[in-house]
Amino acid sequence: MRAVIFFCRLLVAACVCSSALADTVTWFSPEQDTQSALIAFVNGARKELLVADYSFVCPPLTDALIARHRAGVDVSLVLDRTQAAGRAEKAELLRLRAAGVTYLVGTSSKHRIMHHKFMVRDAASVLSGSYNFTSSAALENNFFDIVTDAGRARRFAAEWLGIRDFMKGQAQP
């Protein structure tokens, strides 16, 4: 019993919230090393990684996406048009394009921005939350959950595919 209590206190102290029922881990920045957890999630992809993000400026993440692509993982992104026009984001997109990573830039079907922030890994796990995929997100008050659940992954993949299909009809930079 003491070991169980000790283990629970360690989890609370680390601010990693986990549920045996849902296989969920929650990460909070700036208290935790969220950027490393994000990169580890990407590095765990073996077949497919679908990324939807509003603001994308994180060179270590770009490096990880390119590495997964080169390892044979199908890496695809949908990104917000307003944010993709920024100087820092353009540099990351040029790196992705040069490496052959597939991405589309656009808006949502209902609004002027595509404000999602999620990844679907291997049709089994979802990373989602308030956390934009930027280096500064790790320094600010943000969170993301990593949920391992095929049903949730199917729902997020369907959303991603809908965004992709809508953006295919928009002019690309």
C-alpha atoms as a PDB file:
ATOM      1  CA  MET A   1       0.000   0.000   0.000  1.00  0.00           C
ATOM      2  CA  ARG A   2       2.834   2.399   0.836  1.00  0.00           C
ATOM      3  CA  ALA A   3       4.400   1.746  -2.553  1.00  0.00           C
ATOM      4  CA  VAL A   4       1.135   2.623  -4.283  1.00  0.00           C
ATOM      5  CA  ILE A   5       0.782   5.860  -2.336  1.00  0.00           C
ATOM      6  CA  PHE A   6       4.406   6.766  -3.065  1.00  0.00           C
ATOM      7  CA  PHE A   7       3.948   6.080  -6.765  1.00  0.00           C
ATOM      8  CA  CYS A   8       0.781   8.232  -6.871  1.00  0.00           C
ATOM      9  CA  ARG A   9       2.586  11.094  -5.168  1.00  0.00           C
ATOM     10  CA  LEU A  10       5.379  10.872  -7.742  1.00  0.00           C
ATOM     11  CA  LEU A  11       2.876  11.169 -10.568  1.00  0.00           C
ATOM     12  CA  VAL A  12       1.191  14.162  -8.979  1.00  0.00           C
ATOM     13  CA  ALA A  13       4.544  15.817  -8.276  1.00  0.00           C
ATOM     14  CA  ALA A  14       5.532  15.388 -11.916  1.00  0.00           C
ATOM     15  CA  CYS A  15       2.141  16.744 -13.075  1.00  0.00           C
ATOM     16  CA  VAL A  16       1.705  13.769 -15.357  1.00  0.00           C
ATOM     17  CA  CYS A  17      -1.929  12.790 -15.122  1.00  0.00           C
ATOM     18  CA  SER A  18      -2.588   9.230 -16.224  1.00  0.00           C
ATOM     19  CA  SER A  19      -5.724   7.120 -16.317  1.00  0.00           C
ATOM     20  CA  ALA A  20      -5.618   3.347 -16.512  1.00  0.00           C
ATOM     21  CA  LEU A  21      -9.056   3.420 -18.107  1.00  0.00           C
ATOM     22  CA  ALA A  22      -8.204   5.693 -21.031  1.00  0.00           C
ATOM     23  CA  ASP A  23      -4.415   5.412 -21.347  1.00  0.00           C
ATOM     24  CA  THR A  24      -4.054   9.194 -21.221  1.00  0.00           C
ATOM     25  CA  VAL A  25      -1.040  11.262 -20.268  1.00  0.00           C
ATOM     26  CA  THR A  26      -1.331  15.032 -19.853  1.00  0.00           C
ATOM     27  CA  TRP A  27       1.634  17.382 -20.155  1.00  0.00           C
ATOM     28  CA  PHE A  28       1.741  20.978 -18.893  1.00  0.00           C
ATOM     29  CA  SER A  29       4.134  23.732 -19.895  1.00  0.00           C
ATOM     30  CA  PRO A  30       6.179  25.473 -18.722  1.00  0.00           C
ATOM     31  CA  GLU A  31       6.423  23.172 -15.692  1.00  0.00           C
ATOM     32  CA  GLN A  32       7.267  20.085 -17.741  1.00  0.00           C
ATOM     33  CA  ASP A  33       9.511  19.398 -20.719  1.00  0.00           C
ATOM     34  CA  THR A  34       6.631  19.416 -23.171  1.00  0.00           C
ATOM     35  CA  GLN A  35       8.827  19.910 -26.218  1.00  0.00           C
ATOM     36  CA  SER A  36      10.708  16.680 -25.510  1.00  0.00           C
ATOM     37  CA  ALA A  37       7.404  14.845 -24.987  1.00  0.00           C
ATOM     38  CA  LEU A  38       6.109  16.238 -28.290  1.00  0.00           C
ATOM     39  CA  ILE A  39       9.260  15.124 -30.141  1.00  0.00           C
ATOM     40  CA  ALA A  40       9.089  11.683 -28.487  1.00  0.00           C
ATOM     41  CA  PHE A  41       5.493  11.318 -29.695  1.00  0.00           C
ATOM     42  CA  VAL A  42       6.591  12.113 -33.258  1.00  0.00           C
ATOM     43  CA  ASN A  43       9.599   9.805 -33.019  1.00  0.00           C
ATOM     44  CA  GLY A  44       7.268   6.970 -32.021  1.00  0.00           C
ATOM     45  CA  ALA A  45       5.498   7.047 -35.403  1.00  0.00           C
ATOM     46  CA  ARG A  46       6.144   3.917 -37.464  1.00  0.00           C
ATOM     47  CA  LYS A  47       3.611   4.137 -40.316  1.00  0.00           C
ATOM     48  CA  GLU A  48       1.717   7.435 -40.407  1.00  0.00           C
ATOM     49  CA  LEU A  49       1.662  10.833 -38.710  1.00  0.00           C
ATOM     50  CA  LEU A  50      -1.135  13.315 -39.422  1.00  0.00           C
ATOM     51  CA  VAL A  51      -0.528  16.834 -38.101  1.00  0.00           C
ATOM     52  CA  ALA A  52      -3.030  19.706 -37.863  1.00  0.00           C
ATOM     53  CA  ASP A  53      -1.669  22.926 -36.423  1.00  0.00           C
ATOM     54  CA  TYR A  54      -2.442  26.607 -36.228  1.00  0.00           C
ATOM     55  CA  SER A  55       1.078  27.935 -35.617  1.00  0.00           C
ATOM     56  CA  PHE A  56       4.115  25.887 -36.610  1.00  0.00           C
ATOM     57  CA  VAL A  57       7.563  27.230 -35.655  1.00  0.00           C
ATOM     58  CA  CYS A  58       9.635  24.608 -33.859  1.00  0.00           C
ATOM     59  CA  PRO A  59      12.917  23.629 -35.560  1.00  0.00           C
ATOM     60  CA  PRO A  60      13.379  20.486 -33.406  1.00  0.00           C
ATOM     61  CA  LEU A  61       9.871  19.365 -34.423  1.00  0.00           C
ATOM     62  CA  THR A  62      10.654  20.065 -38.082  1.00  0.00           C
ATOM     63  CA  ASP A  63      13.814  17.963 -37.692  1.00  0.00           C
ATOM     64  CA  ALA A  64      11.805  15.101 -36.160  1.00  0.00           C
ATOM     65  CA  LEU A  65       9.125  15.231 -38.886  1.00  0.00           C
ATOM     66  CA  ILE A  66      11.778  15.154 -41.602  1.00  0.00           C
ATOM     67  CA  ALA A  67      13.552  12.250 -39.883  1.00  0.00           C
ATOM     68  CA  ARG A  68      10.303  10.255 -39.653  1.00  0.00           C
ATOM     69  CA  HIS A  69       9.590  11.008 -43.321  1.00  0.00           C
ATOM     70  CA  ARG A  70      13.060   9.797 -44.298  1.00  0.00           C
ATOM     71  CA  ALA A  71      12.476   6.658 -42.215  1.00  0.00           C
ATOM     72  CA  GLY A  72       9.489   5.821 -44.423  1.00  0.00           C
ATOM     73  CA  VAL A  73       6.684   7.194 -42.234  1.00  0.00           C
ATOM     74  CA  ASP A  74       3.852   8.901 -44.153  1.00  0.00           C
ATOM     75  CA  VAL A  75       4.045  12.395 -42.601  1.00  0.00           C
ATOM     76  CA  SER A  76       1.391  14.925 -43.688  1.00  0.00           C
ATOM     77  CA  LEU A  77       0.436  18.321 -42.290  1.00  0.00           C
ATOM     78  CA  VAL A  78      -2.476  20.753 -42.607  1.00  0.00           C
ATOM     79  CA  LEU A  79      -1.600  24.245 -41.415  1.00  0.00           C
ATOM     80  CA  ASP A  80      -3.334  27.594 -40.998  1.00  0.00           C
ATOM     81  CA  ARG A  81      -2.860  30.053 -43.872  1.00  0.00           C
ATOM     82  CA  THR A  82      -2.619  33.184 -41.695  1.00  0.00           C
ATOM     83  CA  GLN A  83       0.157  31.734 -39.558  1.00  0.00           C
ATOM     84  CA  ALA A  84       1.992  30.063 -42.467  1.00  0.00           C
ATOM     85  CA  ALA A  85       2.573  33.508 -43.958  1.00  0.00           C
ATOM     86  CA  GLY A  86       4.892  34.465 -41.092  1.00  0.00           C
ATOM     87  CA  ARG A  87       8.631  34.711 -41.724  1.00  0.00           C
ATOM     88  CA  ALA A  88       9.634  32.140 -39.096  1.00  0.00           C
ATOM     89  CA  GLU A  89       6.964  29.652 -40.179  1.00  0.00           C
ATOM     90  CA  LYS A  90       7.888  30.049 -43.861  1.00  0.00           C
ATOM     91  CA  ALA A  91      11.432  28.942 -43.055  1.00  0.00           C
ATOM     92  CA  GLU A  92      10.142  25.747 -41.416  1.00  0.00           C
ATOM     93  CA  LEU A  93       7.802  25.057 -44.346  1.00  0.00           C
ATOM     94  CA  LEU A  94      10.652  25.495 -46.820  1.00  0.00           C
ATOM     95  CA  ARG A  95      12.628  22.889 -44.883  1.00  0.00           C
ATOM     96  CA  LEU A  96       9.675  20.482 -44.968  1.00  0.00           C
ATOM     97  CA  ARG A  97       9.138  21.048 -48.696  1.00  0.00           C
ATOM     98  CA  ALA A  98      12.849  20.528 -49.472  1.00  0.00           C
ATOM     99  CA  ALA A  99      12.704  17.208 -47.593  1.00  0.00           C
ATOM    100  CA  GLY A 100       9.582  16.090 -49.475  1.00  0.00           C
ATOM    101  CA  VAL A 101       7.198  16.228 -46.490  1.00  0.00           C
ATOM    102  CA  THR A 102       3.590  16.730 -47.631  1.00  0.00           C
ATOM    103  CA  TYR A 103       1.655  19.702 -46.283  1.00  0.00           C
ATOM    104  CA  LEU A 104      -1.292  21.908 -47.199  1.00  0.00           C
ATOM    105  CA  VAL A 105      -1.982  25.446 -46.028  1.00  0.00           C
ATOM    106  CA  GLY A 106      -5.461  26.918 -45.769  1.00  0.00           C
ATOM    107  CA  THR A 107      -8.454  27.863 -43.669  1.00  0.00           C
ATOM    108  CA  SER A 108     -11.254  25.875 -42.085  1.00  0.00           C
ATOM    109  CA  SER A 109     -14.523  25.311 -43.896  1.00  0.00           C
ATOM    110  CA  LYS A 110     -16.379  27.595 -41.451  1.00  0.00           C
ATOM    111  CA  HIS A 111     -13.935  30.327 -40.440  1.00  0.00           C
ATOM    112  CA  ARG A 112     -10.930  32.277 -41.664  1.00  0.00           C
ATOM    113  CA  ILE A 113      -8.484  30.238 -39.603  1.00  0.00           C
ATOM    114  CA  MET A 114      -7.709  26.566 -39.036  1.00  0.00           C
ATOM    115  CA  HIS A 115      -7.160  26.599 -35.272  1.00  0.00           C
ATOM    116  CA  HIS A 116      -6.684  22.897 -34.498  1.00  0.00           C
ATOM    117  CA  LYS A 117      -3.611  21.579 -32.688  1.00  0.00           C
ATOM    118  CA  PHE A 118      -3.399  17.796 -32.908  1.00  0.00           C
ATOM    119  CA  MET A 119      -1.466  14.828 -34.236  1.00  0.00           C
ATOM    120  CA  VAL A 120      -2.646  11.304 -35.031  1.00  0.00           C
ATOM    121  CA  ARG A 121       0.055   8.630 -34.827  1.00  0.00           C
ATOM    122  CA  ASP A 122      -0.277   5.240 -36.499  1.00  0.00           C
ATOM    123  CA  ALA A 123      -4.104   5.272 -36.271  1.00  0.00           C
ATOM    124  CA  ALA A 124      -3.727   4.505 -32.560  1.00  0.00           C
ATOM    125  CA  SER A 125      -2.712   7.617 -30.559  1.00  0.00           C
ATOM    126  CA  VAL A 126      -3.725  11.282 -30.515  1.00  0.00           C
ATOM    127  CA  LEU A 127      -1.815  14.272 -29.155  1.00  0.00           C
ATOM    128  CA  SER A 128      -4.132  17.282 -28.712  1.00  0.00           C
ATOM    129  CA  GLY A 129      -4.597  20.351 -26.557  1.00  0.00           C
ATOM    130  CA  SER A 130      -3.974  24.088 -26.383  1.00  0.00           C
ATOM    131  CA  TYR A 131      -0.315  23.635 -27.333  1.00  0.00           C
ATOM    132  CA  ASN A 132       0.694  25.132 -30.713  1.00  0.00           C
ATOM    133  CA  PHE A 133       3.656  23.351 -32.264  1.00  0.00           C
ATOM    134  CA  THR A 134       6.057  26.209 -31.577  1.00  0.00           C
ATOM    135  CA  SER A 135       9.185  26.524 -29.471  1.00  0.00           C
ATOM    136  CA  SER A 136       7.547  29.297 -27.440  1.00  0.00           C
ATOM    137  CA  ALA A 137       4.617  27.036 -26.481  1.00  0.00           C
ATOM    138  CA  ALA A 138       6.964  25.140 -24.164  1.00  0.00           C
ATOM    139  CA  LEU A 139       7.643  28.389 -22.291  1.00  0.00           C
ATOM    140  CA  GLU A 140       4.022  29.446 -21.884  1.00  0.00           C
ATOM    141  CA  ASN A 141       0.928  28.154 -20.096  1.00  0.00           C
ATOM    142  CA  ASN A 142      -0.198  25.301 -22.396  1.00  0.00           C
ATOM    143  CA  PHE A 143      -1.075  21.632 -22.239  1.00  0.00           C
ATOM    144  CA  PHE A 144      -1.590  18.599 -24.391  1.00  0.00           C
ATOM    145  CA  ASP A 145      -2.952  15.112 -23.828  1.00  0.00           C
ATOM    146  CA  ILE A 146      -1.625  11.964 -25.419  1.00  0.00           C
ATOM    147  CA  VAL A 147      -4.447   9.443 -25.639  1.00  0.00           C
ATOM    148  CA  THR A 148      -3.878   5.931 -26.923  1.00  0.00           C
ATOM    149  CA  ASP A 149      -7.263   4.845 -28.235  1.00  0.00           C
ATOM    150  CA  ALA A 150      -8.030   3.643 -31.774  1.00  0.00           C
ATOM    151  CA  GLY A 151     -11.555   5.076 -31.696  1.00  0.00           C
ATOM    152  CA  ARG A 152     -10.292   8.522 -30.757  1.00  0.00           C
ATOM    153  CA  ALA A 153      -7.574   8.241 -33.409  1.00  0.00           C
ATOM    154  CA  ARG A 154     -10.214   7.398 -36.062  1.00  0.00           C
ATOM    155  CA  ARG A 155     -12.274  10.459 -35.058  1.00  0.00           C
ATOM    156  CA  PHE A 156      -9.286  12.799 -35.246  1.00  0.00           C
ATOM    157  CA  ALA A 157      -8.085  11.236 -38.515  1.00  0.00           C
ATOM    158  CA  ALA A 158     -11.538  11.808 -40.019  1.00  0.00           C
ATOM    159  CA  GLU A 159     -11.388  15.453 -38.945  1.00  0.00           C
ATOM    160  CA  TRP A 160      -7.879  15.754 -40.416  1.00  0.00           C
ATOM    161  CA  LEU A 161      -9.033  14.229 -43.725  1.00  0.00           C
ATOM    162  CA  GLY A 162     -11.954  16.670 -43.891  1.00  0.00           C
ATOM    163  CA  ILE A 163      -9.592  19.605 -43.388  1.00  0.00           C
ATOM    164  CA  ARG A 164      -7.193  18.229 -45.987  1.00  0.00           C
ATOM    165  CA  ASP A 165      -9.966  17.734 -48.528  1.00  0.00           C
ATOM    166  CA  PHE A 166     -11.234  21.283 -47.959  1.00  0.00           C
ATOM    167  CA  MET A 167      -7.734  22.750 -48.269  1.00  0.00           C
ATOM    168  CA  LYS A 168      -7.068  20.876 -51.510  1.00  0.00           C
ATOM    169  CA  GLY A 169      -9.583  23.242 -53.108  1.00  0.00           C
ATOM    170  CA  GLN A 170      -7.655  26.311 -51.945  1.00  0.00           C
ATOM    171  CA  ALA A 171      -4.685  27.898 -53.683  1.00  0.00           C
ATOM    172  CA  GLN A 172      -1.399  26.773 -52.143  1.00  0.00           C
ATOM    173  CA  PRO A 173       1.609  29.044 -51.525  1.00  0.00           C
END
